[in-house]
C-alpha atoms as a PDB file:
ATOM      1  CA  MET A   1      28.300  -7.319   2.719  1.00  0.00           C
ATOM      2  CA  GLN A   2      25.974  -6.992  -0.269  1.00  0.00           C
ATOM      3  CA  TYR A   3      23.740  -9.724  -1.636  1.00  0.00           C
ATOM      4  CA  ASN A   4      22.268 -10.463  -5.037  1.00  0.00           C
ATOM      5  CA  GLN A   5      19.042 -12.161  -5.952  1.00  0.00           C
ATOM      6  CA  ASN A   6      20.742 -15.527  -6.376  1.00  0.00           C
ATOM      7  CA  SER A   7      22.064 -15.480  -2.801  1.00  0.00           C
ATOM      8  CA  TYR A   8      18.699 -14.900  -1.109  1.00  0.00           C
ATOM      9  CA  ARG A   9      17.856 -17.724   1.242  1.00  0.00           C
ATOM     10  CA  ASN A  10      15.794 -15.905   3.862  1.00  0.00           C
ATOM     11  CA  ILE A  11      13.236 -13.158   3.222  1.00  0.00           C
ATOM     12  CA  THR A  12      11.292 -11.410   5.973  1.00  0.00           C
ATOM     13  CA  PHE A  13       7.959  -9.628   5.716  1.00  0.00           C
ATOM     14  CA  LEU A  14       6.807  -7.348   8.548  1.00  0.00           C
ATOM     15  CA  GLY A  15       3.178  -6.200   8.657  1.00  0.00           C
ATOM     16  CA  LEU A  16       0.316  -8.543   7.777  1.00  0.00           C
ATOM     17  CA  GLY A  17      -2.639  -6.253   7.179  1.00  0.00           C
ATOM     18  CA  VAL A  18      -4.943  -6.455   4.168  1.00  0.00           C
ATOM     19  CA  MET A  19      -2.144  -5.568   1.749  1.00  0.00           C
ATOM     20  CA  GLY A  20       0.830  -7.003   3.599  1.00  0.00           C
ATOM     21  CA  SER A  21      -0.612 -10.460   4.166  1.00  0.00           C
ATOM     22  CA  ALA A  22      -1.404 -10.887   0.461  1.00  0.00           C
ATOM     23  CA  ILE A  23       2.032  -9.638  -0.595  1.00  0.00           C
ATOM     24  CA  ALA A  24       3.748 -11.903   1.935  1.00  0.00           C
ATOM     25  CA  ALA A  25       1.702 -14.850   0.681  1.00  0.00           C
ATOM     26  CA  ASN A  26       2.803 -14.231  -2.914  1.00  0.00           C
ATOM     27  CA  LEU A  27       6.437 -13.972  -1.822  1.00  0.00           C
ATOM     28  CA  ALA A  28       6.108 -17.253   0.082  1.00  0.00           C
ATOM     29  CA  ARG A  29       4.610 -19.040  -2.908  1.00  0.00           C
ATOM     30  CA  ALA A  30       7.358 -17.704  -5.151  1.00  0.00           C
ATOM     31  CA  GLY A  31       9.958 -18.721  -2.579  1.00  0.00           C
ATOM     32  CA  ALA A  32       8.758 -22.305  -2.614  1.00  0.00           C
ATOM     33  CA  LYS A  33       9.661 -22.388  -6.321  1.00  0.00           C
ATOM     34  CA  SER A  34      12.828 -20.325  -6.166  1.00  0.00           C
ATOM     35  CA  GLY A  35      14.459 -21.755  -3.066  1.00  0.00           C
ATOM     36  CA  TYR A  36      14.124 -19.030  -0.458  1.00  0.00           C
ATOM     37  CA  LYS A  37      12.169 -19.087   2.793  1.00  0.00           C
ATOM     38  CA  VAL A  38       9.792 -16.354   3.932  1.00  0.00           C
ATOM     39  CA  THR A  39       9.370 -15.460   7.596  1.00  0.00           C
ATOM     40  CA  ALA A  40       6.545 -13.091   8.533  1.00  0.00           C
ATOM     41  CA  TRP A  41       5.694 -11.057  11.612  1.00  0.00           C
ATOM     42  CA  ASN A  42       2.767  -8.943  12.715  1.00  0.00           C
ATOM     43  CA  ARG A  43       2.451  -6.696  15.753  1.00  0.00           C
ATOM     44  CA  THR A  44      -0.917  -8.266  16.627  1.00  0.00           C
ATOM     45  CA  GLN A  45      -0.464 -12.000  17.009  1.00  0.00           C
ATOM     46  CA  ASP A  46      -3.706 -13.440  18.365  1.00  0.00           C
ATOM     47  CA  LEU A  47      -6.141 -14.737  15.733  1.00  0.00           C
ATOM     48  CA  HIS A  48      -5.099 -12.142  13.180  1.00  0.00           C
ATOM     49  CA  PRO A  49      -6.470 -13.153   9.751  1.00  0.00           C
ATOM     50  CA  GLY A  50      -3.359 -11.871   7.957  1.00  0.00           C
ATOM     51  CA  ILE A  51      -1.193 -14.314   9.886  1.00  0.00           C
ATOM     52  CA  GLU A  52      -3.268 -17.232   8.641  1.00  0.00           C
ATOM     53  CA  ILE A  53      -3.108 -15.976   5.043  1.00  0.00           C
ATOM     54  CA  ALA A  54       0.692 -15.783   5.132  1.00  0.00           C
ATOM     55  CA  LYS A  55       1.050 -19.064   7.022  1.00  0.00           C
ATOM     56  CA  THR A  56      -1.236 -20.960   4.650  1.00  0.00           C
ATOM     57  CA  ALA A  57       0.896 -19.783   1.717  1.00  0.00           C
ATOM     58  CA  GLY A  58       4.007 -21.216   3.341  1.00  0.00           C
ATOM     59  CA  ALA A  59       5.464 -18.408   5.443  1.00  0.00           C
ATOM     60  CA  SER A  60       6.861 -19.130   8.893  1.00  0.00           C
ATOM     61  CA  ILE A  61       5.460 -16.840  11.587  1.00  0.00           C
ATOM     62  CA  ALA A  62       7.892 -15.191  13.996  1.00  0.00           C
ATOM     63  CA  VAL A  63       6.913 -13.843  17.408  1.00  0.00           C
ATOM     64  CA  SER A  64       9.404 -10.957  17.432  1.00  0.00           C
ATOM     65  CA  ILE A  65      11.179  -8.676  14.984  1.00  0.00           C
ATOM     66  CA  ARG A  66      14.519 -10.023  16.162  1.00  0.00           C
ATOM     67  CA  GLU A  67      13.501 -13.603  15.410  1.00  0.00           C
ATOM     68  CA  ALA A  68      12.116 -12.561  12.030  1.00  0.00           C
ATOM     69  CA  VAL A  69      15.078 -10.586  10.682  1.00  0.00           C
ATOM     70  CA  THR A  70      18.269 -12.051  12.143  1.00  0.00           C
ATOM     71  CA  ASP A  71      18.999 -14.329   9.167  1.00  0.00           C
ATOM     72  CA  ALA A  72      17.288 -12.313   6.431  1.00  0.00           C
ATOM     73  CA  GLU A  73      19.039 -10.948   3.360  1.00  0.00           C
ATOM     74  CA  ALA A  74      15.961  -8.874   2.400  1.00  0.00           C
ATOM     75  CA  ILE A  75      13.394  -7.423   4.790  1.00  0.00           C
ATOM     76  CA  PHE A  76      10.063  -6.038   3.559  1.00  0.00           C
ATOM     77  CA  THR A  77       7.728  -3.838   5.587  1.00  0.00           C
ATOM     78  CA  CYS A  78       4.121  -2.832   4.899  1.00  0.00           C
ATOM     79  CA  LEU A  79       2.755  -0.759   7.761  1.00  0.00           C
ATOM     80  CA  GLY A  80       0.443   2.137   8.508  1.00  0.00           C
ATOM     81  CA  ASP A  81       1.855   5.603   9.125  1.00  0.00           C
ATOM     82  CA  VAL A  82       5.283   7.162   9.604  1.00  0.00           C
ATOM     83  CA  PRO A  83       5.504   6.411  13.363  1.00  0.00           C
ATOM     84  CA  ASP A  84       4.711   2.731  12.738  1.00  0.00           C
ATOM     85  CA  VAL A  85       7.457   2.373  10.137  1.00  0.00           C
ATOM     86  CA  GLU A  86       9.994   4.257  12.256  1.00  0.00           C
ATOM     87  CA  GLU A  87       9.200   2.111  15.294  1.00  0.00           C
ATOM     88  CA  VAL A  88       9.535  -1.164  13.406  1.00  0.00           C
ATOM     89  CA  LEU A  89      12.677  -0.157  11.512  1.00  0.00           C
ATOM     90  CA  LEU A  90      14.490   2.220  13.878  1.00  0.00           C
ATOM     91  CA  GLY A  91      13.049   1.525  17.335  1.00  0.00           C
ATOM     92  CA  ASP A  92      14.769  -0.051  20.336  1.00  0.00           C
ATOM     93  CA  ARG A  93      13.477  -3.461  19.250  1.00  0.00           C
ATOM     94  CA  GLY A  94      13.438  -2.643  15.574  1.00  0.00           C
ATOM     95  CA  VAL A  95      15.080  -4.023  12.477  1.00  0.00           C
ATOM     96  CA  ILE A  96      18.109  -1.755  12.861  1.00  0.00           C
ATOM     97  CA  GLN A  97      19.038  -3.578  16.064  1.00  0.00           C
ATOM     98  CA  SER A  98      19.032  -7.112  14.650  1.00  0.00           C
ATOM     99  CA  ALA A  99      19.430  -7.151  10.854  1.00  0.00           C
ATOM    100  CA  LYS A 100      22.749  -8.343   9.536  1.00  0.00           C
ATOM    101  CA  THR A 101      25.109  -5.977   7.786  1.00  0.00           C
ATOM    102  CA  GLY A 102      24.330  -5.529   4.092  1.00  0.00           C
ATOM    103  CA  ALA A 103      20.709  -6.590   4.335  1.00  0.00           C
ATOM    104  CA  LEU A 104      18.280  -4.791   2.019  1.00  0.00           C
ATOM    105  CA  ILE A 105      15.302  -3.111   3.678  1.00  0.00           C
ATOM    106  CA  VAL A 106      12.287  -2.536   1.395  1.00  0.00           C
ATOM    107  CA  ASP A 107       9.461  -0.417   2.775  1.00  0.00           C
ATOM    108  CA  MET A 108       6.179  -0.732   0.890  1.00  0.00           C
ATOM    109  CA  SER A 109       4.253   1.667   3.136  1.00  0.00           C
ATOM    110  CA  THR A 110       3.219   5.170   2.079  1.00  0.00           C
ATOM    111  CA  ILE A 111       5.134   7.559   4.347  1.00  0.00           C
ATOM    112  CA  GLY A 112       6.247  10.482   2.165  1.00  0.00           C
ATOM    113  CA  ARG A 113       9.644  11.511   0.840  1.00  0.00           C
ATOM    114  CA  ASP A 114      11.049  13.122   3.992  1.00  0.00           C
ATOM    115  CA  ALA A 115      10.406  10.103   6.201  1.00  0.00           C
ATOM    116  CA  ALA A 116      11.874   7.730   3.605  1.00  0.00           C
ATOM    117  CA  CYS A 117      15.060   9.792   3.337  1.00  0.00           C
ATOM    118  CA  HIS A 118      15.398   9.990   7.136  1.00  0.00           C
ATOM    119  CA  ILE A 119      14.932   6.237   7.557  1.00  0.00           C
ATOM    120  CA  SER A 120      17.414   5.500   4.771  1.00  0.00           C
ATOM    121  CA  ALA A 121      20.044   7.712   6.380  1.00  0.00           C
ATOM    122  CA  GLN A 122      19.656   6.039   9.775  1.00  0.00           C
ATOM    123  CA  LEU A 123      19.805   2.520   8.328  1.00  0.00           C
ATOM    124  CA  SER A 124      22.850   3.396   6.244  1.00  0.00           C
ATOM    125  CA  LYS A 125      24.802   4.254   9.410  1.00  0.00           C
ATOM    126  CA  GLN A 126      24.383   0.604  10.432  1.00  0.00           C
ATOM    127  CA  GLY A 127      25.427  -0.805   7.059  1.00  0.00           C
ATOM    128  CA  LEU A 128      21.866  -1.497   5.912  1.00  0.00           C
ATOM    129  CA  ARG A 129      20.511  -0.641   2.455  1.00  0.00           C
ATOM    130  CA  PHE A 130      17.074   0.821   1.779  1.00  0.00           C
ATOM    131  CA  LEU A 131      14.477   1.050  -0.977  1.00  0.00           C
ATOM    132  CA  ASP A 132      11.200   2.912  -0.616  1.00  0.00           C
ATOM    133  CA  ALA A 133       8.672   0.952  -2.653  1.00  0.00           C
ATOM    134  CA  PRO A 134       5.065   2.064  -2.108  1.00  0.00           C
ATOM    135  CA  VAL A 135       2.426   0.267  -4.132  1.00  0.00           C
ATOM    136  CA  SER A 136      -0.865   0.864  -5.914  1.00  0.00           C
ATOM    137  CA  GLY A 137      -3.516  -1.611  -6.989  1.00  0.00           C
ATOM    138  CA  GLY A 138      -5.490  -2.220  -3.811  1.00  0.00           C
ATOM    139  CA  ASP A 139      -6.251  -5.534  -2.188  1.00  0.00           C
ATOM    140  CA  VAL A 140      -7.118  -7.047  -5.580  1.00  0.00           C
ATOM    141  CA  GLY A 141      -3.678  -6.231  -6.949  1.00  0.00           C
ATOM    142  CA  ALA A 142      -2.019  -7.496  -3.775  1.00  0.00           C
ATOM    143  CA  ARG A 143      -3.818 -10.843  -3.971  1.00  0.00           C
ATOM    144  CA  ASN A 144      -3.294 -11.273  -7.714  1.00  0.00           C
ATOM    145  CA  GLY A 145       0.332 -10.154  -7.724  1.00  0.00           C
ATOM    146  CA  THR A 146      -0.430  -7.317 -10.138  1.00  0.00           C
ATOM    147  CA  LEU A 147       0.581  -4.310  -8.057  1.00  0.00           C
ATOM    148  CA  THR A 148       2.240  -1.210  -9.440  1.00  0.00           C
ATOM    149  CA  ILE A 149       5.448  -0.723  -7.440  1.00  0.00           C
ATOM    150  CA  MET A 150       7.089   2.709  -7.323  1.00  0.00           C
ATOM    151  CA  VAL A 151      10.687   2.393  -6.151  1.00  0.00           C
ATOM    152  CA  GLY A 152      13.191   4.924  -4.900  1.00  0.00           C
ATOM    153  CA  GLY A 153      16.806   3.994  -4.220  1.00  0.00           C
ATOM    154  CA  ASP A 154      20.076   2.815  -5.669  1.00  0.00           C
ATOM    155  CA  ALA A 155      19.854   1.272  -9.140  1.00  0.00           C
ATOM    156  CA  SER A 156      21.930  -1.768  -8.176  1.00  0.00           C
ATOM    157  CA  ASP A 157      19.729  -2.444  -5.140  1.00  0.00           C
ATOM    158  CA  PHE A 158      16.662  -2.154  -7.375  1.00  0.00           C
ATOM    159  CA  ALA A 159      18.133  -4.597  -9.900  1.00  0.00           C
ATOM    160  CA  GLU A 160      18.933  -7.036  -7.117  1.00  0.00           C
ATOM    161  CA  CYS A 161      15.416  -6.868  -5.719  1.00  0.00           C
ATOM    162  CA  LYS A 162      13.538  -6.828  -9.021  1.00  0.00           C
ATOM    163  CA  PRO A 163      12.990 -10.619  -9.192  1.00  0.00           C
ATOM    164  CA  LEU A 164      11.266 -10.389  -5.812  1.00  0.00           C
ATOM    165  CA  PHE A 165       9.190  -7.432  -6.985  1.00  0.00           C
ATOM    166  CA  GLU A 166       8.161  -9.451 -10.036  1.00  0.00           C
ATOM    167  CA  SER A 167       6.571 -12.076  -7.785  1.00  0.00           C
ATOM    168  CA  ILE A 168       4.222  -9.485  -6.292  1.00  0.00           C
ATOM    169  CA  GLY A 169       3.707  -6.863  -9.012  1.00  0.00           C
ATOM    170  CA  LYS A 170       3.389  -6.284 -12.751  1.00  0.00           C
ATOM    171  CA  ASN A 171       4.277  -2.609 -13.207  1.00  0.00           C
ATOM    172  CA  ILE A 172       7.612  -2.064 -11.504  1.00  0.00           C
ATOM    173  CA  HIS A 173       9.435   1.244 -11.877  1.00  0.00           C
ATOM    174  CA  LEU A 174      12.639   2.724 -10.493  1.00  0.00           C
ATOM    175  CA  CYS A 175      11.591   6.354 -10.044  1.00  0.00           C
ATOM    176  CA  GLY A 176      14.904   7.815  -8.882  1.00  0.00           C
ATOM    177  CA  ALA A 177      16.847   8.182  -5.652  1.00  0.00           C
ATOM    178  CA  VAL A 178      15.473   7.287  -2.209  1.00  0.00           C
ATOM    179  CA  GLY A 179      12.202   9.119  -1.650  1.00  0.00           C
ATOM    180  CA  SER A 180      11.268   9.223  -5.326  1.00  0.00           C
ATOM    181  CA  GLY A 181       8.970   6.229  -5.039  1.00  0.00           C
ATOM    182  CA  GLN A 182       7.123   8.031  -2.271  1.00  0.00           C
ATOM    183  CA  SER A 183       6.780  11.189  -4.360  1.00  0.00           C
ATOM    184  CA  VAL A 184       5.283   9.258  -7.288  1.00  0.00           C
ATOM    185  CA  LYS A 185       2.918   7.436  -4.909  1.00  0.00           C
ATOM    186  CA  LEU A 186       1.617  10.745  -3.577  1.00  0.00           C
ATOM    187  CA  CYS A 187       0.966  11.861  -7.167  1.00  0.00           C
ATOM    188  CA  ASN A 188      -0.955   8.602  -7.584  1.00  0.00           C
ATOM    189  CA  GLN A 189      -3.044   9.378  -4.504  1.00  0.00           C
ATOM    190  CA  VAL A 190      -3.907  12.834  -5.840  1.00  0.00           C
ATOM    191  CA  LEU A 191      -5.280  11.128  -8.932  1.00  0.00           C
ATOM    192  CA  VAL A 192      -7.215   8.320  -7.254  1.00  0.00           C
ATOM    193  CA  SER A 193      -8.736  10.569  -4.579  1.00  0.00           C
ATOM    194  CA  THR A 194     -10.005  13.079  -7.117  1.00  0.00           C
ATOM    195  CA  TYR A 195     -11.158  10.286  -9.467  1.00  0.00           C
ATOM    196  CA  MET A 196     -13.464   9.205  -6.646  1.00  0.00           C
ATOM    197  CA  VAL A 197     -15.159  12.601  -6.628  1.00  0.00           C
ATOM    198  CA  GLY A 198     -15.929  12.194 -10.333  1.00  0.00           C
ATOM    199  CA  ILE A 199     -17.147   8.619  -9.926  1.00  0.00           C
ATOM    200  CA  CYS A 200     -19.488   9.515  -7.071  1.00  0.00           C
ATOM    201  CA  GLU A 201     -20.951  12.443  -8.956  1.00  0.00           C
ATOM    202  CA  ALA A 202     -21.346  10.401 -12.165  1.00  0.00           C
ATOM    203  CA  MET A 203     -23.199   7.678 -10.240  1.00  0.00           C
ATOM    204  CA  LEU A 204     -25.478  10.278  -8.642  1.00  0.00           C
ATOM    205  CA  LEU A 205     -26.232  11.775 -12.054  1.00  0.00           C
ATOM    206  CA  ALA A 206     -26.970   8.298 -13.429  1.00  0.00           C
ATOM    207  CA  GLU A 207     -29.405   7.626 -10.566  1.00  0.00           C
ATOM    208  CA  GLN A 208     -31.174  10.961 -11.074  1.00  0.00           C
ATOM    209  CA  ALA A 209     -31.473  10.281 -14.815  1.00  0.00           C
ATOM    210  CA  GLY A 210     -32.880   6.792 -14.219  1.00  0.00           C
ATOM    211  CA  LEU A 211     -29.897   5.078 -15.854  1.00  0.00           C
ATOM    212  CA  ASP A 212     -28.537   1.628 -15.079  1.00  0.00           C
ATOM    213  CA  PRO A 213     -25.229   2.261 -13.251  1.00  0.00           C
ATOM    214  CA  GLU A 214     -23.743  -0.883 -14.799  1.00  0.00           C
ATOM    215  CA  LEU A 215     -24.401   0.560 -18.259  1.00  0.00           C
ATOM    216  CA  VAL A 216     -22.685   3.812 -17.281  1.00  0.00           C
ATOM    217  CA  VAL A 217     -19.609   1.962 -15.995  1.00  0.00           C
ATOM    218  CA  GLU A 218     -19.455  -0.210 -19.120  1.00  0.00           C
ATOM    219  CA  VAL A 219     -19.908   2.611 -21.639  1.00  0.00           C
ATOM    220  CA  CYS A 220     -17.770   5.241 -19.920  1.00  0.00           C
ATOM    221  CA  GLY A 221     -15.168   2.624 -19.060  1.00  0.00           C
ATOM    222  CA  GLY A 222     -14.604   2.045 -22.772  1.00  0.00           C
ATOM    223  CA  GLY A 223     -13.899   5.661 -23.617  1.00  0.00           C
ATOM    224  CA  ALA A 224     -11.894   8.644 -22.498  1.00  0.00           C
ATOM    225  CA  ALA A 225     -13.234   8.348 -18.922  1.00  0.00           C
ATOM    226  CA  ALA A 226     -11.805   4.843 -18.496  1.00  0.00           C
ATOM    227  CA  SER A 227      -9.798   4.225 -15.338  1.00  0.00           C
ATOM    228  CA  TRP A 228      -8.963   1.434 -12.915  1.00  0.00           C
ATOM    229  CA  ALA A 229     -11.051   3.239 -10.312  1.00  0.00           C
ATOM    230  CA  LEU A 230     -14.154   3.378 -12.515  1.00  0.00           C
ATOM    231  CA  SER A 231     -13.897  -0.273 -13.549  1.00  0.00           C
ATOM    232  CA  ASN A 232     -13.222  -1.576 -10.048  1.00  0.00           C
ATOM    233  CA  LEU A 233     -15.095   0.835  -7.797  1.00  0.00           C
ATOM    234  CA  GLY A 234     -17.854   2.349  -9.945  1.00  0.00           C
ATOM    235  CA  MET A 235     -20.328  -0.474  -9.368  1.00  0.00           C
ATOM    236  CA  LYS A 236     -19.403  -0.636  -5.680  1.00  0.00           C
ATOM    237  CA  VAL A 237     -20.375   3.011  -5.399  1.00  0.00           C
ATOM    238  CA  ALA A 238     -23.681   2.366  -7.175  1.00  0.00           C
ATOM    239  CA  LYS A 239     -24.465  -0.667  -5.003  1.00  0.00           C
ATOM    240  CA  SER A 240     -23.300   0.896  -1.717  1.00  0.00           C
ATOM    241  CA  ASP A 241     -20.736  -1.867  -1.329  1.00  0.00           C
ATOM    242  CA  PHE A 242     -18.269  -0.280   1.057  1.00  0.00           C
ATOM    243  CA  GLN A 243     -16.101  -3.296   1.872  1.00  0.00           C
ATOM    244  CA  PRO A 244     -12.552  -1.972   1.999  1.00  0.00           C
ATOM    245  CA  GLY A 245      -9.910  -2.611  -0.592  1.00  0.00           C
ATOM    246  CA  PHE A 246      -8.203   0.556   0.593  1.00  0.00           C
ATOM    247  CA  MET A 247      -9.614   2.120   3.747  1.00  0.00           C
ATOM    248  CA  ILE A 248     -10.629   5.755   4.059  1.00  0.00           C
ATOM    249  CA  LYS A 249      -8.413   6.112   7.130  1.00  0.00           C
ATOM    250  CA  HIS A 250      -5.388   5.204   5.009  1.00  0.00           C
ATOM    251  CA  MET A 251      -6.409   7.582   2.233  1.00  0.00           C
ATOM    252  CA  LEU A 252      -6.750  10.397   4.749  1.00  0.00           C
ATOM    253  CA  LYS A 253      -3.228   9.669   5.959  1.00  0.00           C
ATOM    254  CA  ASP A 254      -1.945   9.776   2.386  1.00  0.00           C
ATOM    255  CA  LEU A 255      -3.753  13.039   1.652  1.00  0.00           C
ATOM    256  CA  ARG A 256      -2.219  14.503   4.803  1.00  0.00           C
ATOM    257  CA  LEU A 257       1.202  13.631   3.391  1.00  0.00           C
ATOM    258  CA  VAL A 258       0.244  15.173   0.040  1.00  0.00           C
ATOM    259  CA  GLN A 259      -0.801  18.426   1.695  1.00  0.00           C
ATOM    260  CA  GLU A 260       2.381  18.488   3.759  1.00  0.00           C
ATOM    261  CA  SER A 261       4.327  18.234   0.496  1.00  0.00           C
ATOM    262  CA  ALA A 262       2.458  20.757  -1.670  1.00  0.00           C
ATOM    263  CA  ASN A 263       0.198  23.786  -1.328  1.00  0.00           C
ATOM    264  CA  ASP A 264      -2.848  25.008  -3.248  1.00  0.00           C
ATOM    265  CA  LEU A 265      -4.356  21.722  -4.438  1.00  0.00           C
ATOM    266  CA  PRO A 266      -8.102  22.454  -4.383  1.00  0.00           C
ATOM    267  CA  GLY A 267      -9.088  19.060  -5.787  1.00  0.00           C
ATOM    268  CA  VAL A 268      -7.198  17.323  -2.994  1.00  0.00           C
ATOM    269  CA  GLU A 269      -8.774  19.660  -0.444  1.00  0.00           C
ATOM    270  CA  LEU A 270     -12.243  18.727  -1.726  1.00  0.00           C
ATOM    271  CA  SER A 271     -11.652  14.975  -1.699  1.00  0.00           C
ATOM    272  CA  ASP A 272     -10.012  15.234   1.733  1.00  0.00           C
ATOM    273  CA  ARG A 273     -13.066  17.089   3.078  1.00  0.00           C
ATOM    274  CA  LEU A 274     -15.472  14.495   1.669  1.00  0.00           C
ATOM    275  CA  PHE A 275     -13.455  11.580   3.060  1.00  0.00           C
ATOM    276  CA  LYS A 276     -13.373  13.281   6.464  1.00  0.00           C
ATOM    277  CA  ILE A 277     -17.166  13.617   6.429  1.00  0.00           C
ATOM    278  CA  VAL A 278     -17.498   9.873   5.823  1.00  0.00           C
ATOM    279  CA  SER A 279     -14.855   9.024   8.434  1.00  0.00           C
ATOM    280  CA  GLN A 280     -17.108  10.632  11.046  1.00  0.00           C
ATOM    281  CA  LEU A 281     -20.126   8.532  10.044  1.00  0.00           C
ATOM    282  CA  ALA A 282     -20.799   5.113  11.569  1.00  0.00           C
ATOM    283  CA  GLY A 283     -18.089   2.698  10.446  1.00  0.00           C
ATOM    284  CA  GLY A 284     -16.812   5.131   7.836  1.00  0.00           C
ATOM    285  CA  HIS A 285     -13.211   5.291   9.006  1.00  0.00           C
ATOM    286  CA  GLU A 286     -12.577   1.673   7.993  1.00  0.00           C
ATOM    287  CA  GLN A 287     -14.752   1.527   4.888  1.00  0.00           C
ATOM    288  CA  GLY A 288     -13.309   1.554   1.373  1.00  0.00           C
ATOM    289  CA  THR A 289     -12.687   4.829  -0.432  1.00  0.00           C
ATOM    290  CA  GLN A 290     -15.805   4.213  -2.546  1.00  0.00           C
ATOM    291  CA  ALA A 291     -17.775   5.083   0.608  1.00  0.00           C
ATOM    292  CA  MET A 292     -17.159   8.727  -0.318  1.00  0.00           C
ATOM    293  CA  ILE A 293     -20.654   8.499  -1.839  1.00  0.00           C
ATOM    294  CA  ARG A 294     -21.995   8.542   1.736  1.00  0.00           C
ATOM    295  CA  ALA A 295     -20.890  12.171   2.075  1.00  0.00           C
ATOM    296  CA  TYR A 296     -23.193  13.069  -0.823  1.00  0.00           C
ATOM    297  CA  ARG A 297     -26.109  10.882   0.198  1.00  0.00           C
ATOM    298  CA  GLU A 298     -26.049  11.956   3.840  1.00  0.00           C
ATOM    299  CA  SER A 299     -26.269  15.593   2.747  1.00  0.00           C
ATOM    300  CA  GLN A 300     -29.373  14.739   0.690  1.00  0.00           C
ATOM    301  CA  THR A 301     -31.141  12.851   3.495  1.00  0.00           C
ATOM    302  CA  PRO A 302     -34.022  14.874   4.985  1.00  0.00           C
ATOM    303  CA  ASN A 303     -33.661  15.751   8.668  1.00  0.00           C
END
């Protein structure tokens, strides 16, 4: 059985972290207007802030994957690494065991092309459809519903799901067959990780020249150096505001996937090394990617 957007009555969202909870909340708010119900689930149940975010927006909270997915026509996941996604989708208690035939599975995690293709093949054997749909835009984009969504999969499945994507994102692209969304996302991570090197070094130069960092962000952000990263993270770097929009531990996972996919990327190797330095500092693993500046400042601190 195959569904279309007009037949959706039950949507499930699995994974209520920083990104997932905001995306689930936007789906729930859209569902209240469009006539579908959102059920959400998270592996950690007790006092998890993401559960409250989704629940406040109107999502029902399930206590098991089976309860969450049994009646769903579309099932979204937003999880950590490849093993997490495979466990939730393909495990003994996973989606594959309980989803109804024809349901559309949409994974918004970053797991790389090979894992996406493997998962798709396994789900297909059980009559389940699959889109890989990693996102970019950070926690701000997730909350505001302005994410960039990079989709790999069948064109008809993409068309069916697009109204749901439009409730959570603004730049929505079908990139090709299954796995293509993942490949584009890894290209995105090459760019954003190496942007951060440039931002950190520009902020250090500004400090050494006695410049106002806000002026540098404003002026450079209006010219050829303009980027989302500079506008959103430049001042955080200057002010040592390391609250996470996207954690270093997640970036390191993504850069691992990049380096498993391609060789001889010296810019990626540099940014990966700097992020690893910060991840070994106090609290660094769970700080935002703008905390890369700590790798520079620690090296300048006298012993």
